[in-house]
Amino acid sequence: MPDDAFNLAEIYYIEAEKRLDIYLPLWTKEEGRRDLTLSLSGQRNNNQLTIEFNDLRVL
């Protein structure tokens, strides 16, 4: 992924669940930015950070 890839990520804070939802576009070395987006959720439970892979979407 290029250095600025994380600048293109969409991040939403879900207040009711104290969770971050992250949508990260993906690239390939050969073709550059693709039409794929990785969907993740992150939250802290008892001082432990958990990351969940939700989906891999084709846009």
C-alpha atoms as a PDB file:
ATOM      1  CA  MET A   1       0.000   0.000   0.000  1.00  0.00           C
ATOM      2  CA  PRO A   2       1.236   3.502  -0.704  1.00  0.00           C
ATOM      3  CA  ASP A   3       2.248   5.782   2.158  1.00  0.00           C
ATOM      4  CA  ASP A   4      -0.912   7.888   1.855  1.00  0.00           C
ATOM      5  CA  ALA A   5      -3.303   4.893   1.852  1.00  0.00           C
ATOM      6  CA  PHE A   6      -4.405   5.503   5.423  1.00  0.00           C
ATOM      7  CA  ASN A   7      -5.319   9.097   4.531  1.00  0.00           C
ATOM      8  CA  LEU A   8      -7.972   7.646   2.219  1.00  0.00           C
ATOM      9  CA  ALA A   9      -9.483   5.416   4.896  1.00  0.00           C
ATOM     10  CA  GLU A  10     -12.965   6.286   6.110  1.00  0.00           C
ATOM     11  CA  ILE A  11     -13.285   6.015   9.893  1.00  0.00           C
ATOM     12  CA  TYR A  12     -16.512   6.285  11.878  1.00  0.00           C
ATOM     13  CA  TYR A  13     -16.921   6.265  15.644  1.00  0.00           C
ATOM     14  CA  ILE A  14     -20.024   4.370  16.776  1.00  0.00           C
ATOM     15  CA  GLU A  15     -20.785   6.054  20.112  1.00  0.00           C
ATOM     16  CA  ALA A  16     -23.422   3.562  21.301  1.00  0.00           C
ATOM     17  CA  GLU A  17     -20.978   0.662  21.000  1.00  0.00           C
ATOM     18  CA  LYS A  18     -17.726   2.570  21.676  1.00  0.00           C
ATOM     19  CA  ARG A  19     -16.356   1.160  18.410  1.00  0.00           C
ATOM     20  CA  LEU A  20     -14.456   2.406  15.365  1.00  0.00           C
ATOM     21  CA  ASP A  21     -15.555   1.205  11.934  1.00  0.00           C
ATOM     22  CA  ILE A  22     -12.794   1.508   9.338  1.00  0.00           C
ATOM     23  CA  TYR A  23     -13.093   1.222   5.557  1.00  0.00           C
ATOM     24  CA  LEU A  24      -9.680   0.899   3.915  1.00  0.00           C
ATOM     25  CA  PRO A  25      -9.189   0.891   0.126  1.00  0.00           C
ATOM     26  CA  LEU A  26      -6.775  -1.735  -1.178  1.00  0.00           C
ATOM     27  CA  TRP A  27      -4.016  -1.762  -3.819  1.00  0.00           C
ATOM     28  CA  THR A  28      -2.007  -4.300  -5.754  1.00  0.00           C
ATOM     29  CA  LYS A  29       1.592  -3.782  -6.733  1.00  0.00           C
ATOM     30  CA  GLU A  30       0.863  -4.478 -10.391  1.00  0.00           C
ATOM     31  CA  GLU A  31      -2.363  -2.513 -10.907  1.00  0.00           C
ATOM     32  CA  GLY A  32      -2.420   0.140  -8.191  1.00  0.00           C
ATOM     33  CA  ARG A  33      -5.635   1.073  -6.398  1.00  0.00           C
ATOM     34  CA  ARG A  34      -8.318  -1.550  -6.812  1.00  0.00           C
ATOM     35  CA  ASP A  35     -12.080  -1.575  -6.416  1.00  0.00           C
ATOM     36  CA  LEU A  36     -11.715  -3.491  -3.130  1.00  0.00           C
ATOM     37  CA  THR A  37     -12.354  -2.078   0.345  1.00  0.00           C
ATOM     38  CA  LEU A  38     -11.470  -3.833   3.601  1.00  0.00           C
ATOM     39  CA  SER A  39     -14.038  -3.309   6.362  1.00  0.00           C
ATOM     40  CA  LEU A  40     -12.725  -3.492   9.952  1.00  0.00           C
ATOM     41  CA  SER A  41     -14.037  -2.749  13.434  1.00  0.00           C
ATOM     42  CA  GLY A  42     -11.926  -1.925  16.443  1.00  0.00           C
ATOM     43  CA  GLN A  43     -12.760  -1.496  20.086  1.00  0.00           C
ATOM     44  CA  ARG A  44     -11.192  -1.694  23.517  1.00  0.00           C
ATOM     45  CA  ASN A  45     -12.500  -4.230  26.036  1.00  0.00           C
ATOM     46  CA  ASN A  46     -10.936  -4.370  29.492  1.00  0.00           C
ATOM     47  CA  ASN A  47      -7.833  -2.508  28.253  1.00  0.00           C
ATOM     48  CA  GLN A  48      -7.409  -4.973  25.375  1.00  0.00           C
ATOM     49  CA  LEU A  49      -7.727  -3.763  21.788  1.00  0.00           C
ATOM     50  CA  THR A  50      -9.636  -6.048  19.432  1.00  0.00           C
ATOM     51  CA  ILE A  51      -9.750  -5.777  15.640  1.00  0.00           C
ATOM     52  CA  GLU A  52     -12.438  -7.622  13.696  1.00  0.00           C
ATOM     53  CA  PHE A  53     -12.379  -8.200   9.937  1.00  0.00           C
ATOM     54  CA  ASN A  54     -15.955  -7.623   8.805  1.00  0.00           C
ATOM     55  CA  ASP A  55     -15.933  -7.780   5.038  1.00  0.00           C
ATOM     56  CA  LEU A  56     -14.006  -7.391   1.824  1.00  0.00           C
ATOM     57  CA  ARG A  57     -16.167  -5.360  -0.544  1.00  0.00           C
ATOM     58  CA  VAL A  58     -16.044  -4.818  -4.270  1.00  0.00           C
ATOM     59  CA  LEU A  59     -17.219  -1.311  -5.089  1.00  0.00           C
END
